[in-house]
Amino acid sequence: MASREVMRNGRTIRPRKKQSQAGFSLFELIITVTITIVLTVMVVPIYSSYTRSYNIKNSADGLVNLISVARMRAAANFSRVEVTCNTTTSQCTLQSKASGASSWSADSNKMTVVLAQGVSFGTPSGVSAGAGGQSSEVPYQGSSAQTISYAVIFNSRGLPIVDNATSTAVSDYALYLLGPNNTAMAVAVDVSGKPTTYTLNGTSWTTATN
């Protein structure tokens, strides 16, 4: 179909032809795909490292919350409350012992903390001192009066103790976590019952930051 010409001021004006839009050339497509692959290779390890760090930090935070609940519940219910951890199933639960009772009973609210994938209970090798003031890495309070590994017990005042007749005070409870690539964290409970998270930097423990 012939294009229509328009006369204007004695001049013939022909309509402009529409320019066709060109697509990607093969070379441009190859460059784009190459850049995408390079960026993916760079980002994936960074993301994986961040995820691993997040997993062990998230597990430590979960233990802090569970310990804090145990501390408050012991004082509120005037009973002994224990955070007890299973190194096989990688989870921690609460149990309580009423005043004068001889045995522990499971927590009615069934509160449980399960360690994140790739995180387990354990102490790192090559580290002499423990976290939170422990003279050495011990995954419980360190007293021969109690041999329960990975457990924290509070009395009716919310203070850490040994589960014995005299309620021996404890000042060095600590739970240790191991993650991928030799990462390690600890949750230590001081004499007042306050839990604090620690990160292993080289061969020493430092207070973890958010």
N, C-alpha and C. Protein backbone atom coordinates (compact mmCIF):
# COMPACT_ATOMS: atom_id res chain seq x y z
N MET A 1 0.85 -1.18 0.00
CA MET A 1 0.00 0.00 0.00
C MET A 1 0.88 1.22 0.00
N ALA A 2 0.63 2.13 -0.94
CA ALA A 2 1.47 3.31 -1.07
C ALA A 2 1.22 4.24 0.10
N SER A 3 2.29 4.87 0.54
CA SER A 3 2.17 5.81 1.64
C SER A 3 1.57 7.11 1.15
N ARG A 4 0.82 7.70 2.00
CA ARG A 4 0.18 8.95 1.62
C ARG A 4 1.14 10.13 1.79
N GLU A 5 1.20 10.97 0.71
CA GLU A 5 2.05 12.14 0.77
C GLU A 5 1.19 13.36 1.04
N VAL A 6 1.72 14.27 1.80
CA VAL A 6 0.98 15.46 2.21
C VAL A 6 1.71 16.68 1.68
N MET A 7 0.95 17.58 1.05
CA MET A 7 1.50 18.84 0.56
C MET A 7 1.38 19.88 1.65
N ARG A 8 2.48 20.51 1.98
CA ARG A 8 2.45 21.56 3.00
C ARG A 8 3.40 22.67 2.56
N ASN A 9 2.83 23.88 2.39
CA ASN A 9 3.64 25.03 1.96
C ASN A 9 4.40 24.74 0.67
N GLY A 10 3.75 24.03 -0.19
CA GLY A 10 4.37 23.76 -1.49
C GLY A 10 5.40 22.65 -1.45
N ARG A 11 5.53 22.01 -0.29
CA ARG A 11 6.51 20.93 -0.19
C ARG A 11 5.81 19.61 0.07
N THR A 12 6.36 18.58 -0.49
CA THR A 12 5.78 17.25 -0.28
C THR A 12 6.41 16.62 0.95
N ILE A 13 5.57 16.26 1.90
CA ILE A 13 6.06 15.64 3.15
C ILE A 13 5.66 14.18 3.14
N ARG A 14 6.66 13.34 3.21
CA ARG A 14 6.41 11.90 3.23
C ARG A 14 6.44 11.41 4.68
N PRO A 15 5.53 10.56 5.06
CA PRO A 15 5.53 10.03 6.45
C PRO A 15 6.76 9.18 6.71
N ARG A 16 7.26 9.31 7.94
CA ARG A 16 8.45 8.54 8.31
C ARG A 16 8.09 7.07 8.48
N LYS A 17 9.00 6.26 8.07
CA LYS A 17 8.81 4.82 8.26
C LYS A 17 9.10 4.43 9.70
N LYS A 18 8.28 3.58 10.21
CA LYS A 18 8.50 3.08 11.57
C LYS A 18 9.74 2.22 11.62
N GLN A 19 10.59 2.55 12.64
CA GLN A 19 11.82 1.76 12.79
C GLN A 19 11.51 0.46 13.53
N SER A 20 11.97 -0.61 13.01
CA SER A 20 11.76 -1.90 13.67
C SER A 20 12.67 -2.03 14.89
N GLN A 21 12.16 -2.61 15.96
CA GLN A 21 12.93 -2.80 17.19
C GLN A 21 13.73 -4.09 17.10
N ALA A 22 15.01 -3.91 17.19
CA ALA A 22 15.89 -5.08 17.10
C ALA A 22 15.95 -5.81 18.44
N GLY A 23 16.02 -7.15 18.46
CA GLY A 23 16.17 -7.92 19.68
C GLY A 23 17.62 -8.08 20.07
N PHE A 24 17.87 -8.93 21.10
CA PHE A 24 19.24 -9.20 21.53
C PHE A 24 19.97 -9.98 20.45
N SER A 25 21.20 -9.61 20.25
CA SER A 25 22.03 -10.41 19.36
C SER A 25 22.56 -11.60 20.13
N LEU A 26 23.07 -12.58 19.45
CA LEU A 26 23.62 -13.77 20.09
C LEU A 26 24.78 -13.39 21.01
N PHE A 27 25.59 -12.46 20.60
CA PHE A 27 26.73 -12.02 21.41
C PHE A 27 26.26 -11.38 22.71
N GLU A 28 25.25 -10.51 22.59
CA GLU A 28 24.73 -9.85 23.80
C GLU A 28 24.11 -10.88 24.75
N LEU A 29 23.44 -11.87 24.21
CA LEU A 29 22.83 -12.91 25.04
C LEU A 29 23.90 -13.71 25.77
N ILE A 30 25.00 -14.03 25.09
CA ILE A 30 26.09 -14.78 25.71
C ILE A 30 26.71 -13.97 26.85
N ILE A 31 26.93 -12.68 26.61
CA ILE A 31 27.50 -11.81 27.65
C ILE A 31 26.59 -11.75 28.86
N THR A 32 25.28 -11.60 28.63
CA THR A 32 24.33 -11.52 29.74
C THR A 32 24.32 -12.80 30.57
N VAL A 33 24.29 -13.94 29.89
CA VAL A 33 24.30 -15.23 30.60
C VAL A 33 25.59 -15.40 31.37
N THR A 34 26.72 -15.02 30.79
CA THR A 34 28.02 -15.15 31.45
C THR A 34 28.07 -14.31 32.73
N ILE A 35 27.60 -13.07 32.65
CA ILE A 35 27.59 -12.20 33.83
C ILE A 35 26.70 -12.78 34.92
N THR A 36 25.54 -13.32 34.52
CA THR A 36 24.63 -13.92 35.49
C THR A 36 25.28 -15.09 36.21
N ILE A 37 25.99 -15.93 35.46
CA ILE A 37 26.65 -17.10 36.06
C ILE A 37 27.74 -16.65 37.02
N VAL A 38 28.53 -15.66 36.64
CA VAL A 38 29.61 -15.17 37.49
C VAL A 38 29.06 -14.60 38.80
N LEU A 39 28.00 -13.80 38.70
CA LEU A 39 27.39 -13.23 39.91
C LEU A 39 26.82 -14.32 40.81
N THR A 40 26.22 -15.34 40.20
CA THR A 40 25.67 -16.45 41.00
C THR A 40 26.77 -17.18 41.74
N VAL A 41 27.87 -17.45 41.06
CA VAL A 41 29.01 -18.14 41.68
C VAL A 41 29.57 -17.32 42.85
N MET A 42 29.55 -16.00 42.73
CA MET A 42 30.07 -15.14 43.78
C MET A 42 29.12 -15.04 44.97
N VAL A 43 27.81 -14.99 44.69
CA VAL A 43 26.83 -14.74 45.73
C VAL A 43 26.50 -15.98 46.54
N VAL A 44 26.42 -17.15 45.90
CA VAL A 44 26.00 -18.36 46.60
C VAL A 44 26.88 -18.69 47.81
N PRO A 45 28.22 -18.68 47.70
CA PRO A 45 29.03 -18.96 48.90
C PRO A 45 28.81 -17.95 50.02
N ILE A 46 28.64 -16.68 49.65
CA ILE A 46 28.40 -15.65 50.66
C ILE A 46 27.07 -15.92 51.37
N TYR A 47 26.05 -16.24 50.60
CA TYR A 47 24.74 -16.53 51.18
C TYR A 47 24.79 -17.78 52.06
N SER A 48 25.50 -18.81 51.59
CA SER A 48 25.62 -20.04 52.38
C SER A 48 26.33 -19.78 53.70
N SER A 49 27.40 -18.98 53.66
CA SER A 49 28.13 -18.65 54.87
C SER A 49 27.25 -17.87 55.83
N TYR A 50 26.47 -16.94 55.30
CA TYR A 50 25.55 -16.16 56.14
C TYR A 50 24.50 -17.06 56.77
N THR A 51 23.97 -18.01 55.99
CA THR A 51 22.95 -18.91 56.50
C THR A 51 23.49 -19.76 57.63
N ARG A 52 24.73 -20.27 57.47
CA ARG A 52 25.33 -21.09 58.52
C ARG A 52 25.52 -20.27 59.80
N SER A 53 25.99 -19.05 59.66
CA SER A 53 26.18 -18.19 60.82
C SER A 53 24.85 -17.88 61.48
N TYR A 54 23.84 -17.66 60.65
CA TYR A 54 22.51 -17.36 61.18
C TYR A 54 21.96 -18.56 61.94
N ASN A 55 22.17 -19.78 61.43
CA ASN A 55 21.63 -20.97 62.07
C ASN A 55 22.15 -21.16 63.47
N ILE A 56 23.46 -21.02 63.67
CA ILE A 56 24.02 -21.25 65.00
C ILE A 56 23.65 -20.10 65.94
N LYS A 57 23.58 -18.88 65.41
CA LYS A 57 23.15 -17.74 66.22
C LYS A 57 21.69 -17.89 66.61
N ASN A 58 20.86 -18.35 65.70
CA ASN A 58 19.45 -18.55 65.98
C ASN A 58 19.26 -19.63 67.04
N SER A 59 20.06 -20.68 66.99
CA SER A 59 19.98 -21.76 67.98
C SER A 59 20.38 -21.25 69.36
N ALA A 60 21.45 -20.46 69.41
CA ALA A 60 21.90 -19.90 70.69
C ALA A 60 20.83 -18.97 71.28
N ASP A 61 20.22 -18.15 70.43
CA ASP A 61 19.17 -17.26 70.90
C ASP A 61 17.97 -18.05 71.43
N GLY A 62 17.67 -19.17 70.78
CA GLY A 62 16.58 -20.01 71.25
C GLY A 62 16.85 -20.57 72.64
N LEU A 63 18.09 -20.96 72.89
CA LEU A 63 18.46 -21.47 74.21
C LEU A 63 18.38 -20.38 75.27
N VAL A 64 18.81 -19.17 74.90
CA VAL A 64 18.72 -18.05 75.84
C VAL A 64 17.27 -17.82 76.24
N ASN A 65 16.37 -17.84 75.27
CA ASN A 65 14.96 -17.62 75.57
C ASN A 65 14.40 -18.73 76.46
N LEU A 66 14.78 -19.98 76.17
CA LEU A 66 14.29 -21.10 76.97
C LEU A 66 14.81 -21.03 78.40
N ILE A 67 16.07 -20.68 78.55
CA ILE A 67 16.66 -20.54 79.89
C ILE A 67 15.98 -19.41 80.66
N SER A 68 15.69 -18.32 79.98
CA SER A 68 15.02 -17.19 80.63
C SER A 68 13.62 -17.58 81.10
N VAL A 69 12.91 -18.36 80.28
CA VAL A 69 11.58 -18.84 80.66
C VAL A 69 11.68 -19.74 81.88
N ALA A 70 12.66 -20.64 81.90
CA ALA A 70 12.85 -21.54 83.04
C ALA A 70 13.13 -20.76 84.32
N ARG A 71 13.93 -19.75 84.20
CA ARG A 71 14.27 -18.91 85.35
C ARG A 71 13.03 -18.22 85.92
N MET A 72 12.22 -17.64 85.05
CA MET A 72 11.02 -16.93 85.50
C MET A 72 9.97 -17.91 86.04
N ARG A 73 9.84 -19.07 85.38
CA ARG A 73 8.83 -20.04 85.82
C ARG A 73 9.19 -20.64 87.18
N ALA A 74 10.47 -20.82 87.44
CA ALA A 74 10.88 -21.35 88.74
C ALA A 74 10.47 -20.40 89.86
N ALA A 75 10.70 -19.12 89.65
CA ALA A 75 10.33 -18.14 90.68
C ALA A 75 8.82 -17.99 90.81
N ALA A 76 8.12 -18.03 89.67
CA ALA A 76 6.66 -17.85 89.69
C ALA A 76 5.95 -19.03 90.34
N ASN A 77 6.43 -20.25 90.09
CA ASN A 77 5.77 -21.45 90.60
C ASN A 77 6.38 -21.97 91.90
N PHE A 78 7.39 -21.28 92.40
CA PHE A 78 8.08 -21.68 93.62
C PHE A 78 8.49 -23.15 93.54
N SER A 79 9.21 -23.48 92.46
CA SER A 79 9.66 -24.85 92.25
C SER A 79 10.99 -24.83 91.53
N ARG A 80 11.62 -25.97 91.44
CA ARG A 80 12.85 -26.08 90.66
C ARG A 80 12.47 -26.37 89.20
N VAL A 81 13.12 -25.68 88.31
CA VAL A 81 12.87 -25.87 86.88
C VAL A 81 14.20 -26.13 86.19
N GLU A 82 14.20 -27.13 85.34
CA GLU A 82 15.43 -27.52 84.66
C GLU A 82 15.28 -27.41 83.14
N VAL A 83 16.31 -26.86 82.53
CA VAL A 83 16.46 -26.93 81.08
C VAL A 83 17.31 -28.15 80.81
N THR A 84 16.74 -29.15 80.19
CA THR A 84 17.48 -30.39 79.93
C THR A 84 17.60 -30.61 78.43
N CYS A 85 18.81 -30.89 77.97
CA CYS A 85 19.06 -31.01 76.54
C CYS A 85 19.48 -32.43 76.18
N ASN A 86 19.04 -32.87 75.04
CA ASN A 86 19.37 -34.20 74.53
C ASN A 86 20.35 -34.03 73.37
N THR A 87 21.57 -34.52 73.55
CA THR A 87 22.59 -34.34 72.52
C THR A 87 22.34 -35.23 71.30
N THR A 88 21.49 -36.24 71.44
CA THR A 88 21.17 -37.12 70.32
C THR A 88 20.12 -36.51 69.40
N THR A 89 19.08 -35.96 70.00
CA THR A 89 17.99 -35.36 69.21
C THR A 89 18.22 -33.87 68.96
N SER A 90 19.27 -33.32 69.58
CA SER A 90 19.61 -31.90 69.41
C SER A 90 18.45 -30.98 69.78
N GLN A 91 17.82 -31.27 70.91
CA GLN A 91 16.75 -30.40 71.36
C GLN A 91 16.76 -30.28 72.89
N CYS A 92 16.16 -29.20 73.38
CA CYS A 92 16.10 -28.93 74.81
C CYS A 92 14.65 -28.71 75.21
N THR A 93 14.29 -29.20 76.40
CA THR A 93 12.94 -29.03 76.94
C THR A 93 13.04 -28.60 78.39
N LEU A 94 11.88 -28.33 78.98
CA LEU A 94 11.81 -27.95 80.39
C LEU A 94 11.15 -29.06 81.20
N GLN A 95 11.58 -29.18 82.44
CA GLN A 95 10.89 -30.03 83.39
C GLN A 95 11.00 -29.37 84.76
N SER A 96 10.08 -29.72 85.64
CA SER A 96 10.03 -29.05 86.94
C SER A 96 9.92 -30.06 88.08
N LYS A 97 10.29 -29.57 89.26
CA LYS A 97 10.17 -30.39 90.47
C LYS A 97 9.59 -29.50 91.57
N ALA A 98 8.38 -29.83 91.99
CA ALA A 98 7.72 -29.03 93.02
C ALA A 98 8.45 -29.15 94.35
N SER A 99 8.22 -28.20 95.22
CA SER A 99 8.86 -28.22 96.54
C SER A 99 8.50 -29.49 97.29
N GLY A 100 9.50 -30.22 97.75
CA GLY A 100 9.28 -31.45 98.48
C GLY A 100 9.14 -32.68 97.61
N ALA A 101 9.04 -32.50 96.29
CA ALA A 101 8.91 -33.64 95.38
C ALA A 101 10.26 -34.31 95.18
N SER A 102 10.23 -35.60 94.85
CA SER A 102 11.47 -36.35 94.66
C SER A 102 11.80 -36.60 93.19
N SER A 103 10.86 -36.33 92.32
CA SER A 103 11.10 -36.59 90.89
C SER A 103 10.69 -35.39 90.05
N TRP A 104 11.20 -35.37 88.83
CA TRP A 104 10.92 -34.30 87.89
C TRP A 104 9.70 -34.65 87.05
N SER A 105 8.97 -33.64 86.64
CA SER A 105 7.82 -33.84 85.76
C SER A 105 7.98 -32.97 84.52
N ALA A 106 7.48 -33.45 83.38
CA ALA A 106 7.62 -32.71 82.13
C ALA A 106 6.85 -31.40 82.17
N ASP A 107 7.33 -30.46 81.43
CA ASP A 107 6.69 -29.15 81.36
C ASP A 107 5.32 -29.28 80.69
N SER A 108 4.31 -28.72 81.32
CA SER A 108 2.95 -28.84 80.79
C SER A 108 2.77 -28.09 79.48
N ASN A 109 3.57 -27.03 79.28
CA ASN A 109 3.45 -26.25 78.05
C ASN A 109 4.27 -26.85 76.90
N LYS A 110 5.04 -27.88 77.22
CA LYS A 110 5.83 -28.60 76.22
C LYS A 110 6.72 -27.67 75.38
N MET A 111 7.36 -26.73 76.05
CA MET A 111 8.28 -25.83 75.35
C MET A 111 9.53 -26.59 74.92
N THR A 112 9.92 -26.44 73.67
CA THR A 112 11.06 -27.18 73.13
C THR A 112 11.85 -26.27 72.19
N VAL A 113 13.16 -26.38 72.27
CA VAL A 113 14.04 -25.69 71.33
C VAL A 113 14.81 -26.76 70.57
N VAL A 114 14.70 -26.75 69.26
CA VAL A 114 15.42 -27.70 68.41
C VAL A 114 16.52 -26.95 67.68
N LEU A 115 17.73 -27.46 67.75
CA LEU A 115 18.85 -26.80 67.09
C LEU A 115 18.65 -26.78 65.58
N ALA A 116 19.11 -25.72 64.95
CA ALA A 116 18.97 -25.56 63.51
C ALA A 116 19.82 -26.60 62.77
N GLN A 117 19.51 -26.80 61.51
CA GLN A 117 20.24 -27.77 60.69
C GLN A 117 21.72 -27.41 60.64
N GLY A 118 22.57 -28.41 60.85
CA GLY A 118 24.01 -28.19 60.82
C GLY A 118 24.59 -27.78 62.15
N VAL A 119 23.75 -27.62 63.18
CA VAL A 119 24.21 -27.21 64.51
C VAL A 119 24.01 -28.37 65.48
N SER A 120 24.99 -28.59 66.36
CA SER A 120 24.90 -29.68 67.32
C SER A 120 25.53 -29.24 68.65
N PHE A 121 25.27 -30.02 69.68
CA PHE A 121 25.90 -29.77 70.97
C PHE A 121 27.32 -30.34 70.94
N GLY A 122 28.25 -29.62 71.52
CA GLY A 122 29.63 -30.11 71.57
C GLY A 122 30.60 -28.99 71.87
N THR A 123 31.77 -29.36 72.33
CA THR A 123 32.79 -28.37 72.67
C THR A 123 33.88 -28.36 71.59
N PRO A 124 34.31 -27.18 71.18
CA PRO A 124 35.37 -27.09 70.16
C PRO A 124 36.71 -27.55 70.71
N SER A 125 37.52 -28.12 69.88
CA SER A 125 38.84 -28.57 70.31
C SER A 125 39.85 -27.44 70.24
N GLY A 126 40.92 -27.59 71.01
CA GLY A 126 41.98 -26.60 70.97
C GLY A 126 41.69 -25.34 71.75
N VAL A 127 40.67 -25.36 72.60
CA VAL A 127 40.31 -24.18 73.40
C VAL A 127 40.49 -24.55 74.87
N SER A 128 41.30 -23.79 75.57
CA SER A 128 41.60 -24.14 76.96
C SER A 128 40.55 -23.60 77.93
N ALA A 129 40.18 -22.35 77.80
CA ALA A 129 39.23 -21.74 78.74
C ALA A 129 37.81 -21.87 78.24
N GLY A 130 36.86 -21.95 79.16
CA GLY A 130 35.46 -22.04 78.80
C GLY A 130 34.83 -20.67 78.68
N ALA A 131 33.55 -20.67 78.32
CA ALA A 131 32.82 -19.41 78.16
C ALA A 131 32.20 -18.97 79.48
N GLY A 132 32.04 -17.67 79.63
CA GLY A 132 31.34 -17.13 80.80
C GLY A 132 32.04 -17.35 82.11
N GLY A 133 33.36 -17.44 82.09
CA GLY A 133 34.10 -17.58 83.34
C GLY A 133 34.46 -19.00 83.71
N GLN A 134 34.06 -19.98 82.91
CA GLN A 134 34.47 -21.36 83.19
C GLN A 134 35.97 -21.50 83.02
N SER A 135 36.60 -22.18 83.97
CA SER A 135 38.05 -22.38 83.88
C SER A 135 38.41 -23.31 82.73
N SER A 136 37.48 -24.18 82.36
CA SER A 136 37.67 -25.06 81.21
C SER A 136 36.31 -25.37 80.61
N GLU A 137 36.32 -25.84 79.36
CA GLU A 137 35.05 -26.12 78.70
C GLU A 137 34.36 -27.33 79.31
N VAL A 138 33.25 -27.08 79.98
CA VAL A 138 32.47 -28.16 80.58
C VAL A 138 31.00 -27.90 80.25
N PRO A 139 30.33 -28.84 79.58
CA PRO A 139 28.94 -28.60 79.16
C PRO A 139 27.91 -28.79 80.27
N TYR A 140 28.25 -28.46 81.48
CA TYR A 140 27.31 -28.42 82.60
C TYR A 140 27.96 -27.55 83.67
N GLN A 141 27.49 -27.57 84.90
CA GLN A 141 28.00 -26.63 85.89
C GLN A 141 29.38 -26.98 86.43
N GLY A 142 29.90 -28.15 86.14
CA GLY A 142 31.26 -28.49 86.53
C GLY A 142 31.39 -29.08 87.92
N SER A 143 30.30 -29.22 88.66
CA SER A 143 30.37 -29.76 90.01
C SER A 143 30.19 -31.27 89.99
N SER A 144 30.93 -31.96 90.81
CA SER A 144 30.80 -33.42 90.87
C SER A 144 29.48 -33.84 91.50
N ALA A 145 28.77 -32.87 92.11
CA ALA A 145 27.49 -33.20 92.74
C ALA A 145 26.42 -33.48 91.70
N GLN A 146 26.66 -33.03 90.48
CA GLN A 146 25.68 -33.27 89.42
C GLN A 146 26.42 -33.67 88.15
N THR A 147 26.00 -34.72 87.54
CA THR A 147 26.69 -35.21 86.35
C THR A 147 25.82 -35.13 85.11
N ILE A 148 24.74 -34.35 85.16
CA ILE A 148 23.87 -34.21 83.99
C ILE A 148 24.54 -33.29 82.98
N SER A 149 24.78 -33.78 81.80
CA SER A 149 25.37 -32.95 80.76
C SER A 149 24.29 -32.10 80.09
N TYR A 150 24.66 -30.91 79.72
CA TYR A 150 23.77 -30.00 79.02
C TYR A 150 22.43 -29.84 79.74
N ALA A 151 22.52 -29.30 80.93
CA ALA A 151 21.32 -29.01 81.72
C ALA A 151 21.59 -27.77 82.57
N VAL A 152 20.53 -27.02 82.84
CA VAL A 152 20.60 -25.84 83.70
C VAL A 152 19.43 -25.90 84.66
N ILE A 153 19.69 -25.79 85.96
CA ILE A 153 18.64 -25.92 86.96
C ILE A 153 18.53 -24.63 87.78
N PHE A 154 17.28 -24.19 88.00
CA PHE A 154 17.01 -23.00 88.80
C PHE A 154 16.20 -23.37 90.04
N ASN A 155 16.46 -22.65 91.15
CA ASN A 155 15.64 -22.88 92.35
C ASN A 155 14.44 -21.93 92.34
N SER A 156 13.68 -21.94 93.42
CA SER A 156 12.44 -21.17 93.47
C SER A 156 12.67 -19.66 93.49
N ARG A 157 13.91 -19.24 93.59
CA ARG A 157 14.23 -17.80 93.52
C ARG A 157 14.82 -17.43 92.16
N GLY A 158 14.85 -18.40 91.25
CA GLY A 158 15.37 -18.14 89.92
C GLY A 158 16.88 -18.09 89.87
N LEU A 159 17.55 -18.77 90.81
CA LEU A 159 19.00 -18.80 90.85
C LEU A 159 19.50 -20.18 90.41
N PRO A 160 20.62 -20.25 89.70
CA PRO A 160 21.14 -21.54 89.24
C PRO A 160 21.72 -22.36 90.40
N ILE A 161 21.34 -23.62 90.46
CA ILE A 161 21.76 -24.49 91.55
C ILE A 161 22.09 -25.89 91.04
N VAL A 162 22.64 -26.68 91.94
CA VAL A 162 22.78 -28.12 91.72
C VAL A 162 21.55 -28.78 92.33
N ASP A 163 21.04 -29.81 91.69
CA ASP A 163 19.85 -30.49 92.21
C ASP A 163 20.24 -31.44 93.34
N ASN A 164 20.51 -30.87 94.49
CA ASN A 164 20.83 -31.69 95.66
C ASN A 164 20.07 -31.15 96.88
N ALA A 165 20.27 -31.77 98.00
CA ALA A 165 19.51 -31.40 99.20
C ALA A 165 19.79 -29.98 99.66
N THR A 166 21.00 -29.52 99.44
CA THR A 166 21.37 -28.18 99.92
C THR A 166 21.25 -27.11 98.84
N SER A 167 20.84 -27.49 97.65
CA SER A 167 20.70 -26.54 96.53
C SER A 167 21.99 -25.74 96.33
N THR A 168 23.08 -26.45 96.14
CA THR A 168 24.38 -25.81 95.97
C THR A 168 24.35 -24.81 94.82
N ALA A 169 24.81 -23.59 95.08
CA ALA A 169 24.81 -22.54 94.07
C ALA A 169 25.79 -22.86 92.95
N VAL A 170 25.44 -22.47 91.75
CA VAL A 170 26.27 -22.70 90.58
C VAL A 170 26.55 -21.36 89.90
N SER A 171 27.77 -21.18 89.48
CA SER A 171 28.13 -19.91 88.83
C SER A 171 28.71 -20.12 87.44
N ASP A 172 28.79 -21.36 86.99
CA ASP A 172 29.45 -21.59 85.70
C ASP A 172 28.73 -22.59 84.80
N TYR A 173 27.40 -22.50 84.77
CA TYR A 173 26.67 -23.30 83.80
C TYR A 173 27.01 -22.81 82.39
N ALA A 174 27.17 -23.72 81.45
CA ALA A 174 27.42 -23.32 80.06
C ALA A 174 26.99 -24.45 79.11
N LEU A 175 26.34 -24.07 78.03
CA LEU A 175 25.95 -24.99 76.97
C LEU A 175 26.73 -24.61 75.72
N TYR A 176 27.33 -25.58 75.05
CA TYR A 176 28.19 -25.30 73.90
C TYR A 176 27.57 -25.84 72.61
N LEU A 177 27.71 -25.03 71.55
CA LEU A 177 27.16 -25.39 70.24
C LEU A 177 28.26 -25.38 69.19
N LEU A 178 28.19 -26.34 68.30
CA LEU A 178 29.12 -26.42 67.17
C LEU A 178 28.36 -26.28 65.87
N GLY A 179 28.92 -25.49 64.94
CA GLY A 179 28.31 -25.31 63.63
C GLY A 179 29.29 -25.67 62.53
N PRO A 180 28.90 -25.51 61.27
CA PRO A 180 29.78 -25.82 60.15
C PRO A 180 31.01 -24.92 60.13
N ASN A 181 32.06 -25.39 59.45
CA ASN A 181 33.29 -24.60 59.27
C ASN A 181 33.91 -24.16 60.59
N ASN A 182 33.86 -25.04 61.59
CA ASN A 182 34.50 -24.80 62.88
C ASN A 182 33.92 -23.61 63.63
N THR A 183 32.67 -23.24 63.34
CA THR A 183 32.03 -22.19 64.12
C THR A 183 31.55 -22.76 65.46
N ALA A 184 31.59 -21.94 66.49
CA ALA A 184 31.17 -22.39 67.82
C ALA A 184 30.60 -21.22 68.61
N MET A 185 29.57 -21.51 69.38
CA MET A 185 28.98 -20.53 70.27
C MET A 185 28.68 -21.21 71.60
N ALA A 186 28.44 -20.40 72.62
CA ALA A 186 28.11 -20.93 73.94
C ALA A 186 27.07 -20.04 74.59
N VAL A 187 26.25 -20.66 75.44
CA VAL A 187 25.30 -19.92 76.26
C VAL A 187 25.68 -20.20 77.71
N ALA A 188 26.15 -19.17 78.40
CA ALA A 188 26.59 -19.33 79.78
C ALA A 188 25.61 -18.63 80.72
N VAL A 189 25.45 -19.18 81.91
CA VAL A 189 24.54 -18.63 82.91
C VAL A 189 25.35 -18.20 84.12
N ASP A 190 25.26 -16.92 84.49
CA ASP A 190 26.06 -16.45 85.63
C ASP A 190 25.37 -16.77 86.95
N VAL A 191 25.95 -16.34 88.06
CA VAL A 191 25.46 -16.69 89.38
C VAL A 191 24.07 -16.13 89.66
N SER A 192 23.68 -15.08 88.94
CA SER A 192 22.35 -14.50 89.14
C SER A 192 21.29 -15.19 88.30
N GLY A 193 21.73 -16.05 87.39
CA GLY A 193 20.80 -16.77 86.52
C GLY A 193 20.63 -16.14 85.15
N LYS A 194 21.38 -15.09 84.85
CA LYS A 194 21.24 -14.41 83.56
C LYS A 194 22.02 -15.17 82.48
N PRO A 195 21.38 -15.54 81.37
CA PRO A 195 22.09 -16.21 80.28
C PRO A 195 22.72 -15.21 79.32
N THR A 196 23.91 -15.53 78.82
CA THR A 196 24.63 -14.68 77.88
C THR A 196 25.22 -15.55 76.78
N THR A 197 25.17 -15.08 75.54
CA THR A 197 25.74 -15.84 74.43
C THR A 197 27.17 -15.39 74.16
N TYR A 198 27.99 -16.35 73.79
CA TYR A 198 29.40 -16.09 73.49
C TYR A 198 29.75 -16.71 72.13
N THR A 199 30.68 -16.06 71.45
CA THR A 199 31.17 -16.55 70.17
C THR A 199 32.65 -16.89 70.29
N LEU A 200 33.05 -17.99 69.66
CA LEU A 200 34.45 -18.37 69.70
C LEU A 200 35.21 -17.62 68.61
N ASN A 201 36.19 -16.81 69.03
CA ASN A 201 37.06 -16.10 68.10
C ASN A 201 38.48 -16.61 68.28
N GLY A 202 38.89 -17.46 67.36
CA GLY A 202 40.21 -18.09 67.52
C GLY A 202 40.17 -19.12 68.61
N THR A 203 40.80 -18.82 69.73
CA THR A 203 40.80 -19.74 70.89
C THR A 203 40.21 -19.08 72.13
N SER A 204 39.53 -17.96 71.97
CA SER A 204 38.95 -17.28 73.13
C SER A 204 37.47 -16.96 72.87
N TRP A 205 36.73 -16.85 73.97
CA TRP A 205 35.30 -16.57 73.89
C TRP A 205 35.04 -15.09 74.12
N THR A 206 34.22 -14.51 73.26
CA THR A 206 33.83 -13.11 73.41
C THR A 206 32.32 -13.00 73.40
N THR A 207 31.81 -12.00 74.08
CA THR A 207 30.36 -11.81 74.14
C THR A 207 29.81 -11.58 72.73
N ALA A 208 28.79 -12.32 72.38
CA ALA A 208 28.20 -12.21 71.04
C ALA A 208 27.46 -10.91 70.89
N THR A 209 27.48 -10.36 69.70
CA THR A 209 26.76 -9.14 69.39
C THR A 209 25.66 -9.46 68.38
N ASN A 210 24.59 -8.69 68.40
CA ASN A 210 23.48 -8.91 67.48
C ASN A 210 23.82 -8.45 66.08
